Amino acid sequence: MSNQKEEIERENEEFDRDGFIDEIEMAIDYGFEISQKDYELYQQCINERTAEETAVVEDFDMEM
């Protein structure tokens, strides 16, 4: 049961992160100013997502 709870929490974190990324990208597209703090968090979120996606691809490549 603990694993299921951890999985749900991880999915919620990913959803929140992706939602934040979308909000910042939309704000940038529409010309709104972004605070330096929000932009740094945005960059951190992008880097984390990229690292996770890279890890998944590497795991897949190793299995083949």
N, C-alpha and C. Protein backbone atom coordinates (compact mmCIF):
# COMPACT_ATOMS: atom_id res chain seq x y z
N MET A 1 0.83 -1.20 0.00
CA MET A 1 0.00 0.00 0.00
C MET A 1 0.87 1.26 0.00
N SER A 2 1.99 1.18 0.64
CA SER A 2 2.90 2.32 0.67
C SER A 2 3.40 2.65 -0.73
N ASN A 3 3.68 1.62 -1.53
CA ASN A 3 4.15 1.85 -2.89
C ASN A 3 3.09 2.55 -3.73
N GLN A 4 1.84 2.17 -3.53
CA GLN A 4 0.75 2.80 -4.28
C GLN A 4 0.65 4.28 -3.90
N LYS A 5 0.78 4.58 -2.62
CA LYS A 5 0.72 5.98 -2.17
C LYS A 5 1.88 6.78 -2.76
N GLU A 6 3.07 6.19 -2.75
CA GLU A 6 4.23 6.87 -3.32
C GLU A 6 4.04 7.12 -4.81
N GLU A 7 3.47 6.15 -5.50
CA GLU A 7 3.22 6.29 -6.95
C GLU A 7 2.24 7.44 -7.21
N ILE A 8 1.19 7.53 -6.41
CA ILE A 8 0.20 8.60 -6.57
C ILE A 8 0.85 9.95 -6.30
N GLU A 9 1.66 10.03 -5.24
CA GLU A 9 2.33 11.29 -4.92
C GLU A 9 3.28 11.70 -6.03
N ARG A 10 4.00 10.74 -6.59
CA ARG A 10 4.93 11.03 -7.68
C ARG A 10 4.17 11.53 -8.91
N GLU A 11 3.04 10.91 -9.22
CA GLU A 11 2.23 11.36 -10.36
C GLU A 11 1.72 12.77 -10.13
N ASN A 12 1.30 13.08 -8.90
CA ASN A 12 0.82 14.43 -8.59
C ASN A 12 1.94 15.44 -8.74
N GLU A 13 3.16 15.09 -8.29
CA GLU A 13 4.28 16.00 -8.44
C GLU A 13 4.57 16.26 -9.91
N GLU A 14 4.53 15.21 -10.73
CA GLU A 14 4.77 15.37 -12.15
C GLU A 14 3.70 16.25 -12.79
N PHE A 15 2.45 16.03 -12.41
CA PHE A 15 1.36 16.83 -12.95
C PHE A 15 1.53 18.29 -12.57
N ASP A 16 1.86 18.55 -11.31
CA ASP A 16 2.07 19.92 -10.87
C ASP A 16 3.24 20.56 -11.61
N ARG A 17 4.30 19.81 -11.79
CA ARG A 17 5.48 20.34 -12.48
C ARG A 17 5.13 20.66 -13.93
N ASP A 18 4.46 19.73 -14.59
CA ASP A 18 4.11 19.96 -15.99
C ASP A 18 3.13 21.12 -16.13
N GLY A 19 2.21 21.25 -15.18
CA GLY A 19 1.28 22.37 -15.20
C GLY A 19 2.00 23.70 -15.03
N PHE A 20 2.98 23.71 -14.14
CA PHE A 20 3.78 24.92 -13.92
C PHE A 20 4.55 25.28 -15.19
N ILE A 21 5.16 24.28 -15.81
CA ILE A 21 5.90 24.51 -17.05
C ILE A 21 4.97 25.10 -18.11
N ASP A 22 3.78 24.53 -18.24
CA ASP A 22 2.81 25.04 -19.22
C ASP A 22 2.42 26.48 -18.93
N GLU A 23 2.19 26.79 -17.65
CA GLU A 23 1.80 28.16 -17.28
C GLU A 23 2.89 29.16 -17.65
N ILE A 24 4.13 28.82 -17.33
CA ILE A 24 5.24 29.73 -17.62
C ILE A 24 5.41 29.90 -19.13
N GLU A 25 5.34 28.80 -19.87
CA GLU A 25 5.48 28.89 -21.32
C GLU A 25 4.37 29.72 -21.94
N MET A 26 3.16 29.58 -21.43
CA MET A 26 2.05 30.37 -21.95
C MET A 26 2.26 31.86 -21.62
N ALA A 27 2.71 32.14 -20.41
CA ALA A 27 2.97 33.52 -20.03
C ALA A 27 4.04 34.14 -20.92
N ILE A 28 5.09 33.37 -21.20
CA ILE A 28 6.15 33.86 -22.08
C ILE A 28 5.61 34.10 -23.48
N ASP A 29 4.81 33.16 -23.98
CA ASP A 29 4.24 33.30 -25.33
C ASP A 29 3.38 34.55 -25.46
N TYR A 30 2.66 34.90 -24.39
CA TYR A 30 1.78 36.06 -24.43
C TYR A 30 2.46 37.34 -23.98
N GLY A 31 3.76 37.27 -23.72
CA GLY A 31 4.52 38.47 -23.41
C GLY A 31 4.44 38.96 -21.98
N PHE A 32 3.95 38.13 -21.07
CA PHE A 32 3.91 38.53 -19.67
C PHE A 32 5.31 38.43 -19.07
N GLU A 33 5.57 39.31 -18.10
CA GLU A 33 6.86 39.26 -17.41
C GLU A 33 6.86 38.11 -16.42
N ILE A 34 8.00 37.45 -16.34
CA ILE A 34 8.19 36.33 -15.42
C ILE A 34 9.25 36.76 -14.42
N SER A 35 8.99 36.51 -13.14
CA SER A 35 10.00 36.86 -12.14
C SER A 35 11.22 35.95 -12.31
N GLN A 36 12.35 36.45 -11.88
CA GLN A 36 13.58 35.66 -11.97
C GLN A 36 13.44 34.35 -11.21
N LYS A 37 12.78 34.40 -10.06
CA LYS A 37 12.59 33.20 -9.24
C LYS A 37 11.74 32.17 -9.98
N ASP A 38 10.64 32.61 -10.59
CA ASP A 38 9.79 31.70 -11.35
C ASP A 38 10.52 31.13 -12.56
N TYR A 39 11.32 31.98 -13.22
CA TYR A 39 12.04 31.51 -14.39
C TYR A 39 13.09 30.47 -14.00
N GLU A 40 13.76 30.68 -12.87
CA GLU A 40 14.75 29.71 -12.40
C GLU A 40 14.08 28.39 -12.03
N LEU A 41 12.91 28.46 -11.39
CA LEU A 41 12.17 27.25 -11.06
C LEU A 41 11.71 26.55 -12.34
N TYR A 42 11.30 27.32 -13.33
CA TYR A 42 10.90 26.77 -14.63
C TYR A 42 12.07 26.01 -15.26
N GLN A 43 13.25 26.61 -15.25
CA GLN A 43 14.43 25.94 -15.82
C GLN A 43 14.75 24.66 -15.06
N GLN A 44 14.62 24.70 -13.74
CA GLN A 44 14.87 23.52 -12.91
C GLN A 44 13.87 22.41 -13.26
N CYS A 45 12.61 22.77 -13.42
CA CYS A 45 11.58 21.79 -13.78
C CYS A 45 11.86 21.18 -15.15
N ILE A 46 12.26 22.00 -16.10
CA ILE A 46 12.60 21.50 -17.44
C ILE A 46 13.77 20.51 -17.34
N ASN A 47 14.79 20.88 -16.57
CA ASN A 47 15.95 20.00 -16.43
C ASN A 47 15.58 18.68 -15.78
N GLU A 48 14.73 18.72 -14.75
CA GLU A 48 14.30 17.49 -14.08
C GLU A 48 13.52 16.60 -15.03
N ARG A 49 12.60 17.19 -15.77
CA ARG A 49 11.79 16.41 -16.70
C ARG A 49 12.67 15.80 -17.80
N THR A 50 13.61 16.57 -18.30
CA THR A 50 14.52 16.07 -19.33
C THR A 50 15.36 14.92 -18.79
N ALA A 51 15.85 15.05 -17.56
CA ALA A 51 16.66 13.99 -16.95
C ALA A 51 15.84 12.72 -16.78
N GLU A 52 14.59 12.85 -16.36
CA GLU A 52 13.73 11.68 -16.20
C GLU A 52 13.45 11.02 -17.55
N GLU A 53 13.17 11.82 -18.56
CA GLU A 53 12.89 11.27 -19.88
C GLU A 53 14.13 10.58 -20.45
N THR A 54 15.30 11.16 -20.22
CA THR A 54 16.55 10.56 -20.69
C THR A 54 16.80 9.23 -19.99
N ALA A 55 16.53 9.18 -18.69
CA ALA A 55 16.73 7.94 -17.93
C ALA A 55 15.81 6.84 -18.45
N VAL A 56 14.59 7.18 -18.78
CA VAL A 56 13.64 6.19 -19.30
C VAL A 56 14.13 5.66 -20.65
N VAL A 57 14.59 6.54 -21.51
CA VAL A 57 15.08 6.12 -22.83
C VAL A 57 16.32 5.25 -22.67
N GLU A 58 17.22 5.62 -21.77
CA GLU A 58 18.43 4.83 -21.56
C GLU A 58 18.07 3.45 -21.02
N ASP A 59 17.12 3.38 -20.09
CA ASP A 59 16.68 2.09 -19.57
C ASP A 59 16.09 1.23 -20.68
N PHE A 60 15.31 1.84 -21.54
CA PHE A 60 14.70 1.12 -22.65
C PHE A 60 15.77 0.59 -23.61
N ASP A 61 16.76 1.43 -23.90
CA ASP A 61 17.84 1.02 -24.80
C ASP A 61 18.64 -0.13 -24.22
N MET A 62 18.84 -0.13 -22.91
CA MET A 62 19.61 -1.19 -22.27
C MET A 62 18.86 -2.52 -22.30
N GLU A 63 17.53 -2.46 -22.27
CA GLU A 63 16.72 -3.68 -22.29
C GLU A 63 16.74 -4.33 -23.67
N MET A 64 16.95 -3.55 -24.69
CA MET A 64 16.94 -4.08 -26.05
C MET A 64 18.25 -4.67 -26.33
